[in-house]
Amino acid sequence: MERLTENLDLPGESVPGQPLIELAGDRRVLVEHHRGVTQYSREEICVKVSYGHVQIRGCGLELSRMTAQQLVISGRIDCVTLLRR
């Protein structure tokens, strides 16, 4: 499915189940299609996705909202890193 999306030059959000990470300024991160939180503190939150982890670092971080499909992290965001398996 991923190769088909690339070959047809479709946006990445078109792939069902593909993680989507959206950064809104330096105050909010949205993660869709996550597989849970693996680490949680006010300075660092790690979220499991299909191909590894997304690490969010900052100050005063908190989970503002979490559902089975999406989560929102708020606080002062300093760094968002993709850690592949």
Protein backbone atom coordinates (compact mmCIF):
# COMPACT_ATOMS: atom_id res chain seq x y z
CA MET A 1 0.00 0.00 0.00
CA GLU A 2 2.86 2.39 0.84
CA ARG A 3 4.59 1.76 -2.50
CA LEU A 4 1.31 2.29 -4.34
CA THR A 5 0.87 5.65 -2.60
CA GLU A 6 4.41 6.69 -3.57
CA ASN A 7 4.00 5.52 -7.18
CA LEU A 8 0.72 7.43 -7.54
CA ASP A 9 2.22 10.48 -5.78
CA LEU A 10 -0.59 10.55 -3.21
CA PRO A 11 -0.23 12.31 0.16
CA GLY A 12 1.01 10.07 2.99
CA GLU A 13 -2.21 10.47 4.98
CA SER A 14 -3.95 8.38 2.31
CA VAL A 15 -2.36 5.16 3.58
CA PRO A 16 -4.70 3.55 6.13
CA GLY A 17 -3.05 3.15 9.54
CA GLN A 18 0.00 5.23 8.59
CA PRO A 19 1.07 7.39 11.57
CA LEU A 20 0.56 11.12 11.17
CA ILE A 21 2.51 13.53 13.37
CA GLU A 22 1.45 17.16 13.26
CA LEU A 23 3.29 19.96 15.05
CA ALA A 24 1.32 23.13 15.82
CA GLY A 25 3.84 25.84 16.64
CA ASP A 26 5.87 25.00 19.73
CA ARG A 27 2.88 24.23 21.98
CA ARG A 28 1.10 21.15 20.61
CA VAL A 29 1.82 17.81 18.89
CA LEU A 30 -0.89 15.58 17.42
CA VAL A 31 -0.09 11.89 16.80
CA GLU A 32 -2.63 9.79 14.89
CA HIS A 33 -2.58 5.99 14.57
CA HIS A 34 -0.33 5.55 17.63
CA ARG A 35 0.24 2.30 19.50
CA GLY A 36 0.49 3.70 23.01
CA VAL A 37 2.72 5.77 25.25
CA THR A 38 5.96 4.08 26.33
CA GLN A 39 7.51 6.86 28.40
CA TYR A 40 5.89 9.81 30.16
CA SER A 41 7.36 12.72 32.12
CA ARG A 42 6.99 16.51 32.10
CA GLU A 43 10.19 16.72 29.98
CA GLU A 44 9.83 13.74 27.62
CA ILE A 45 7.02 11.65 26.14
CA CYS A 46 7.63 8.66 23.84
CA VAL A 47 4.83 7.35 21.65
CA LYS A 48 4.99 3.99 19.88
CA VAL A 49 4.10 3.99 16.16
CA SER A 50 4.18 1.22 13.57
CA TYR A 51 7.83 1.77 12.56
CA GLY A 52 9.37 2.82 15.88
CA HIS A 53 8.83 5.64 18.37
CA VAL A 54 8.18 9.36 18.29
CA GLN A 55 10.06 11.16 21.06
CA ILE A 56 8.77 14.57 22.15
CA ARG A 57 11.02 16.67 24.43
CA GLY A 58 10.21 19.96 26.08
CA CYS A 59 8.99 21.54 29.30
CA GLY A 60 5.66 21.09 31.07
CA LEU A 61 4.56 18.34 28.69
CA GLU A 62 1.22 16.62 29.27
CA LEU A 63 -1.24 14.41 27.43
CA SER A 64 -4.13 16.77 26.73
CA ARG A 65 -6.21 14.12 24.99
CA MET A 66 -5.78 10.43 24.23
CA THR A 67 -8.05 8.08 22.33
CA ALA A 68 -7.37 4.73 20.68
CA GLN A 69 -6.53 6.51 17.40
CA GLN A 70 -5.02 9.86 18.36
CA LEU A 71 -3.29 11.72 21.14
CA VAL A 72 -2.45 15.35 21.75
CA ILE A 73 0.60 16.47 23.72
CA SER A 74 0.77 20.05 24.93
CA GLY A 75 3.40 22.13 26.69
CA ARG A 76 6.53 23.84 25.38
CA ILE A 77 7.82 21.59 22.57
CA ASP A 78 11.58 21.75 22.02
CA CYS A 79 12.19 18.66 19.87
CA VAL A 80 10.23 15.96 18.01
CA THR A 81 12.36 12.97 16.94
CA LEU A 82 11.52 9.83 14.98
CA LEU A 83 13.36 6.79 16.36
CA ARG A 84 13.13 3.96 13.83
CA ARG A 85 13.43 0.35 14.93
